[in-house]
Amino acid sequence: MDIPKANVMEFNEDCWCCLRPSGTEPKIKFYIGVKGADKKEAENRLISLKSCLLQRIDNILN
């Protein structure tokens, strides 16, 4: 694939997403990270960001 090694998107509230092609397989890898005031808040943000990204990917593919 002829695409950049990484594409990082930073969101409000200390959330980020990085996607890149696998170097060994025909797939795209996603890495996401969040910060929160405590573990529970970070977990909730992670769930929300993951859900949003999966919905957007589904919209693109369908």
PDB file of N, CA and C in Angstrom:
ATOM      1  N   MET A   1       0.839  -1.183   0.000  1.00  0.00           N
ATOM      2  CA  MET A   1       0.000   0.000   0.000  1.00  0.00           C
ATOM      3  C   MET A   1       0.880   1.242   0.000  1.00  0.00           C
ATOM      4  N   ASP A   2       0.465   2.227  -0.738  1.00  0.00           N
ATOM      5  CA  ASP A   2       1.224   3.477  -0.798  1.00  0.00           C
ATOM      6  C   ASP A   2       0.501   4.555  -0.001  1.00  0.00           C
ATOM      7  N   ILE A   3       0.521   4.404   1.334  1.00  0.00           N
ATOM      8  CA  ILE A   3      -0.101   5.388   2.220  1.00  0.00           C
ATOM      9  C   ILE A   3       0.880   5.735   3.329  1.00  0.00           C
ATOM     10  N   PRO A   4       0.684   6.873   3.996  1.00  0.00           N
ATOM     11  CA  PRO A   4       1.616   7.277   5.051  1.00  0.00           C
ATOM     12  C   PRO A   4       1.744   6.221   6.148  1.00  0.00           C
ATOM     13  N   LYS A   5       2.857   6.226   6.840  1.00  0.00           N
ATOM     14  CA  LYS A   5       3.106   5.278   7.923  1.00  0.00           C
ATOM     15  C   LYS A   5       2.119   5.433   9.070  1.00  0.00           C
ATOM     16  N   ALA A   6       1.679   6.666   9.353  1.00  0.00           N
ATOM     17  CA  ALA A   6       0.745   6.891  10.457  1.00  0.00           C
ATOM     18  C   ALA A   6      -0.060   8.150  10.203  1.00  0.00           C
ATOM     19  N   ASN A   7      -1.243   8.172  10.761  1.00  0.00           N
ATOM     20  CA  ASN A   7      -2.117   9.331  10.684  1.00  0.00           C
ATOM     21  C   ASN A   7      -2.740   9.479  12.067  1.00  0.00           C
ATOM     22  N   VAL A   8      -2.336  10.486  12.805  1.00  0.00           N
ATOM     23  CA  VAL A   8      -2.813  10.666  14.171  1.00  0.00           C
ATOM     24  C   VAL A   8      -3.815  11.802  14.212  1.00  0.00           C
ATOM     25  N   MET A   9      -4.968  11.525  14.798  1.00  0.00           N
ATOM     26  CA  MET A   9      -5.992  12.551  14.999  1.00  0.00           C
ATOM     27  C   MET A   9      -6.109  12.798  16.494  1.00  0.00           C
ATOM     28  N   GLU A  10      -6.019  14.046  16.888  1.00  0.00           N
ATOM     29  CA  GLU A  10      -6.206  14.393  18.286  1.00  0.00           C
ATOM     30  C   GLU A  10      -7.563  15.058  18.436  1.00  0.00           C
ATOM     31  N   PHE A  11      -8.309  14.635  19.453  1.00  0.00           N
ATOM     32  CA  PHE A  11      -9.641  15.154  19.715  1.00  0.00           C
ATOM     33  C   PHE A  11      -9.619  16.010  20.975  1.00  0.00           C
ATOM     34  N   ASN A  12     -10.704  16.704  21.230  1.00  0.00           N
ATOM     35  CA  ASN A  12     -10.839  17.459  22.479  1.00  0.00           C
ATOM     36  C   ASN A  12     -10.805  16.506  23.662  1.00  0.00           C
ATOM     37  N   GLU A  13     -10.567  17.026  24.812  1.00  0.00           N
ATOM     38  CA  GLU A  13     -10.621  16.278  26.073  1.00  0.00           C
ATOM     39  C   GLU A  13      -9.578  15.160  26.143  1.00  0.00           C
ATOM     40  N   ASP A  14      -8.401  15.400  25.589  1.00  0.00           N
ATOM     41  CA  ASP A  14      -7.279  14.468  25.727  1.00  0.00           C
ATOM     42  C   ASP A  14      -7.547  13.079  25.156  1.00  0.00           C
ATOM     43  N   CYS A  15      -8.142  13.014  23.987  1.00  0.00           N
ATOM     44  CA  CYS A  15      -8.367  11.746  23.296  1.00  0.00           C
ATOM     45  C   CYS A  15      -7.613  11.763  21.970  1.00  0.00           C
ATOM     46  N   TRP A  16      -7.109  10.604  21.537  1.00  0.00           N
ATOM     47  CA  TRP A  16      -6.411  10.537  20.266  1.00  0.00           C
ATOM     48  C   TRP A  16      -6.649   9.196  19.593  1.00  0.00           C
ATOM     49  N   CYS A  17      -6.427   9.166  18.301  1.00  0.00           N
ATOM     50  CA  CYS A  17      -6.568   7.951  17.505  1.00  0.00           C
ATOM     51  C   CYS A  17      -5.455   7.937  16.466  1.00  0.00           C
ATOM     52  N   CYS A  18      -4.830   6.811  16.300  1.00  0.00           N
ATOM     53  CA  CYS A  18      -3.792   6.644  15.291  1.00  0.00           C
ATOM     54  C   CYS A  18      -4.153   5.427  14.450  1.00  0.00           C
ATOM     55  N   LEU A  19      -4.059   5.566  13.137  1.00  0.00           N
ATOM     56  CA  LEU A  19      -4.264   4.413  12.281  1.00  0.00           C
ATOM     57  C   LEU A  19      -3.092   4.298  11.330  1.00  0.00           C
ATOM     58  N   ARG A  20      -2.733   3.055  11.038  1.00  0.00           N
ATOM     59  CA  ARG A  20      -1.602   2.822  10.144  1.00  0.00           C
ATOM     60  C   ARG A  20      -1.765   1.459   9.492  1.00  0.00           C
ATOM     61  N   PRO A  21      -1.163   1.284   8.341  1.00  0.00           N
ATOM     62  CA  PRO A  21      -1.212  -0.033   7.708  1.00  0.00           C
ATOM     63  C   PRO A  21      -0.298  -1.004   8.449  1.00  0.00           C
ATOM     64  N   SER A  22      -0.703  -2.249   8.479  1.00  0.00           N
ATOM     65  CA  SER A  22       0.158  -3.286   9.038  1.00  0.00           C
ATOM     66  C   SER A  22       1.354  -3.466   8.120  1.00  0.00           C
ATOM     67  N   GLY A  23       2.498  -3.719   8.694  1.00  0.00           N
ATOM     68  CA  GLY A  23       3.683  -3.949   7.879  1.00  0.00           C
ATOM     69  C   GLY A  23       3.775  -5.367   7.343  1.00  0.00           C
ATOM     70  N   THR A  24       2.959  -6.278   7.909  1.00  0.00           N
ATOM     71  CA  THR A  24       3.068  -7.684   7.528  1.00  0.00           C
ATOM     72  C   THR A  24       1.773  -8.299   7.018  1.00  0.00           C
ATOM     73  N   GLU A  25       0.643  -7.618   7.217  1.00  0.00           N
ATOM     74  CA  GLU A  25      -0.653  -8.174   6.822  1.00  0.00           C
ATOM     75  C   GLU A  25      -1.463  -7.119   6.079  1.00  0.00           C
ATOM     76  N   PRO A  26      -2.413  -7.539   5.255  1.00  0.00           N
ATOM     77  CA  PRO A  26      -3.243  -6.569   4.521  1.00  0.00           C
ATOM     78  C   PRO A  26      -4.379  -6.027   5.385  1.00  0.00           C
ATOM     79  N   LYS A  27      -4.028  -5.250   6.387  1.00  0.00           N
ATOM     80  CA  LYS A  27      -5.042  -4.678   7.268  1.00  0.00           C
ATOM     81  C   LYS A  27      -4.562  -3.342   7.814  1.00  0.00           C
ATOM     82  N   ILE A  28      -5.492  -2.601   8.386  1.00  0.00           N
ATOM     83  CA  ILE A  28      -5.186  -1.315   9.008  1.00  0.00           C
ATOM     84  C   ILE A  28      -5.292  -1.485  10.516  1.00  0.00           C
ATOM     85  N   LYS A  29      -4.318  -0.995  11.233  1.00  0.00           N
ATOM     86  CA  LYS A  29      -4.315  -1.074  12.695  1.00  0.00           C
ATOM     87  C   LYS A  29      -4.756   0.262  13.278  1.00  0.00           C
ATOM     88  N   PHE A  30      -5.575   0.197  14.313  1.00  0.00           N
ATOM     89  CA  PHE A  30      -6.056   1.376  15.017  1.00  0.00           C
ATOM     90  C   PHE A  30      -5.539   1.345  16.444  1.00  0.00           C
ATOM     91  N   TYR A  31      -5.049   2.482  16.904  1.00  0.00           N
ATOM     92  CA  TYR A  31      -4.629   2.651  18.291  1.00  0.00           C
ATOM     93  C   TYR A  31      -5.374   3.864  18.816  1.00  0.00           C
ATOM     94  N   ILE A  32      -5.982   3.739  19.984  1.00  0.00           N
ATOM     95  CA  ILE A  32      -6.695   4.874  20.565  1.00  0.00           C
ATOM     96  C   ILE A  32      -6.254   5.058  22.006  1.00  0.00           C
ATOM     97  N   GLY A  33      -6.298   6.293  22.464  1.00  0.00           N
ATOM     98  CA  GLY A  33      -5.919   6.597  23.830  1.00  0.00           C
ATOM     99  C   GLY A  33      -6.754   7.734  24.381  1.00  0.00           C
ATOM    100  N   VAL A  34      -6.938   7.704  25.670  1.00  0.00           N
ATOM    101  CA  VAL A  34      -7.731   8.731  26.345  1.00  0.00           C
ATOM    102  C   VAL A  34      -7.091   9.059  27.689  1.00  0.00           C
ATOM    103  N   LYS A  35      -7.466  10.200  28.225  1.00  0.00           N
ATOM    104  CA  LYS A  35      -7.095  10.579  29.587  1.00  0.00           C
ATOM    105  C   LYS A  35      -8.374  10.915  30.326  1.00  0.00           C
ATOM    106  N   GLY A  36      -8.378  10.646  31.615  1.00  0.00           N
ATOM    107  CA  GLY A  36      -9.525  10.993  32.440  1.00  0.00           C
ATOM    108  C   GLY A  36      -9.076  11.381  33.831  1.00  0.00           C
ATOM    109  N   ALA A  37      -9.970  11.997  34.573  1.00  0.00           N
ATOM    110  CA  ALA A  37      -9.657  12.406  35.943  1.00  0.00           C
ATOM    111  C   ALA A  37      -9.394  11.188  36.828  1.00  0.00           C
ATOM    112  N   ASP A  38     -10.025  10.055  36.475  1.00  0.00           N
ATOM    113  CA  ASP A  38      -9.811   8.806  37.188  1.00  0.00           C
ATOM    114  C   ASP A  38     -10.005   7.649  36.209  1.00  0.00           C
ATOM    115  N   LYS A  39      -9.785   6.440  36.690  1.00  0.00           N
ATOM    116  CA  LYS A  39      -9.857   5.270  35.813  1.00  0.00           C
ATOM    117  C   LYS A  39     -11.239   5.112  35.188  1.00  0.00           C
ATOM    118  N   LYS A  40     -12.289   5.313  35.957  1.00  0.00           N
ATOM    119  CA  LYS A  40     -13.655   5.147  35.453  1.00  0.00           C
ATOM    120  C   LYS A  40     -13.946   6.147  34.333  1.00  0.00           C
ATOM    121  N   GLU A  41     -13.551   7.400  34.518  1.00  0.00           N
ATOM    122  CA  GLU A  41     -13.771   8.409  33.479  1.00  0.00           C
ATOM    123  C   GLU A  41     -12.996   8.052  32.208  1.00  0.00           C
ATOM    124  N   ALA A  42     -11.767   7.588  32.357  1.00  0.00           N
ATOM    125  CA  ALA A  42     -10.968   7.189  31.198  1.00  0.00           C
ATOM    126  C   ALA A  42     -11.609   6.004  30.482  1.00  0.00           C
ATOM    127  N   GLU A  43     -12.106   5.029  31.232  1.00  0.00           N
ATOM    128  CA  GLU A  43     -12.780   3.877  30.624  1.00  0.00           C
ATOM    129  C   GLU A  43     -14.018   4.317  29.852  1.00  0.00           C
ATOM    130  N   ASN A  44     -14.806   5.232  30.422  1.00  0.00           N
ATOM    131  CA  ASN A  44     -16.005   5.727  29.742  1.00  0.00           C
ATOM    132  C   ASN A  44     -15.643   6.468  28.458  1.00  0.00           C
ATOM    133  N   ARG A  45     -14.595   7.265  28.488  1.00  0.00           N
ATOM    134  CA  ARG A  45     -14.152   7.974  27.282  1.00  0.00           C
ATOM    135  C   ARG A  45     -13.658   6.986  26.223  1.00  0.00           C
ATOM    136  N   LEU A  46     -12.946   5.966  26.658  1.00  0.00           N
ATOM    137  CA  LEU A  46     -12.447   4.955  25.729  1.00  0.00           C
ATOM    138  C   LEU A  46     -13.603   4.228  25.042  1.00  0.00           C
ATOM    139  N   ILE A  47     -14.607   3.844  25.804  1.00  0.00           N
ATOM    140  CA  ILE A  47     -15.787   3.181  25.245  1.00  0.00           C
ATOM    141  C   ILE A  47     -16.482   4.091  24.245  1.00  0.00           C
ATOM    142  N   SER A  48     -16.633   5.354  24.598  1.00  0.00           N
ATOM    143  CA  SER A  48     -17.309   6.313  23.721  1.00  0.00           C
ATOM    144  C   SER A  48     -16.530   6.536  22.426  1.00  0.00           C
ATOM    145  N   LEU A  49     -15.223   6.727  22.521  1.00  0.00           N
ATOM    146  CA  LEU A  49     -14.397   6.958  21.339  1.00  0.00           C
ATOM    147  C   LEU A  49     -14.378   5.726  20.445  1.00  0.00           C
ATOM    148  N   LYS A  50     -14.237   4.557  21.038  1.00  0.00           N
ATOM    149  CA  LYS A  50     -14.233   3.314  20.261  1.00  0.00           C
ATOM    150  C   LYS A  50     -15.555   3.136  19.524  1.00  0.00           C
ATOM    151  N   SER A  51     -16.653   3.387  20.201  1.00  0.00           N
ATOM    152  CA  SER A  51     -17.978   3.269  19.581  1.00  0.00           C
ATOM    153  C   SER A  51     -18.128   4.230  18.410  1.00  0.00           C
ATOM    154  N   CYS A  52     -17.702   5.461  18.597  1.00  0.00           N
ATOM    155  CA  CYS A  52     -17.785   6.473  17.543  1.00  0.00           C
ATOM    156  C   CYS A  52     -16.950   6.066  16.331  1.00  0.00           C
ATOM    157  N   LEU A  53     -15.732   5.609  16.557  1.00  0.00           N
ATOM    158  CA  LEU A  53     -14.860   5.205  15.457  1.00  0.00           C
ATOM    159  C   LEU A  53     -15.425   4.003  14.704  1.00  0.00           C
ATOM    160  N   LEU A  54     -15.945   3.014  15.434  1.00  0.00           N
ATOM    161  CA  LEU A  54     -16.521   1.840  14.778  1.00  0.00           C
ATOM    162  C   LEU A  54     -17.743   2.213  13.945  1.00  0.00           C
ATOM    163  N   GLN A  55     -18.542   3.148  14.444  1.00  0.00           N
ATOM    164  CA  GLN A  55     -19.717   3.602  13.697  1.00  0.00           C
ATOM    165  C   GLN A  55     -19.285   4.309  12.410  1.00  0.00           C
ATOM    166  N   ARG A  56     -18.276   5.143  12.492  1.00  0.00           N
ATOM    167  CA  ARG A  56     -17.790   5.842  11.298  1.00  0.00           C
ATOM    168  C   ARG A  56     -17.198   4.868  10.280  1.00  0.00           C
ATOM    169  N   ILE A  57     -16.463   3.883  10.753  1.00  0.00           N
ATOM    170  CA  ILE A  57     -15.905   2.876   9.849  1.00  0.00           C
ATOM    171  C   ILE A  57     -17.030   2.104   9.167  1.00  0.00           C
ATOM    172  N   ASP A  58     -18.042   1.728   9.936  1.00  0.00           N
ATOM    173  CA  ASP A  58     -19.191   1.012   9.380  1.00  0.00           C
ATOM    174  C   ASP A  58     -19.890   1.850   8.316  1.00  0.00           C
ATOM    175  N   ASN A  59     -20.038   3.152   8.569  1.00  0.00           N
ATOM    176  CA  ASN A  59     -20.671   4.041   7.587  1.00  0.00           C
ATOM    177  C   ASN A  59     -19.857   4.119   6.298  1.00  0.00           C
ATOM    178  N   ILE A  60     -18.545   4.119   6.418  1.00  0.00           N
ATOM    179  CA  ILE A  60     -17.686   4.176   5.235  1.00  0.00           C
ATOM    180  C   ILE A  60     -17.789   2.877   4.427  1.00  0.00           C
ATOM    181  N   LEU A  61     -17.816   1.755   5.121  1.00  0.00           N
ATOM    182  CA  LEU A  61     -17.820   0.461   4.441  1.00  0.00           C
ATOM    183  C   LEU A  61     -19.175   0.075   3.861  1.00  0.00           C
ATOM    184  N   ASN A  62     -20.238   0.658   4.382  1.00  0.00           N
ATOM    185  CA  ASN A  62     -21.582   0.270   3.919  1.00  0.00           C
ATOM    186  C   ASN A  62     -22.280   1.367   3.216  1.00  0.00           C
TER     187      ASN A  62
END
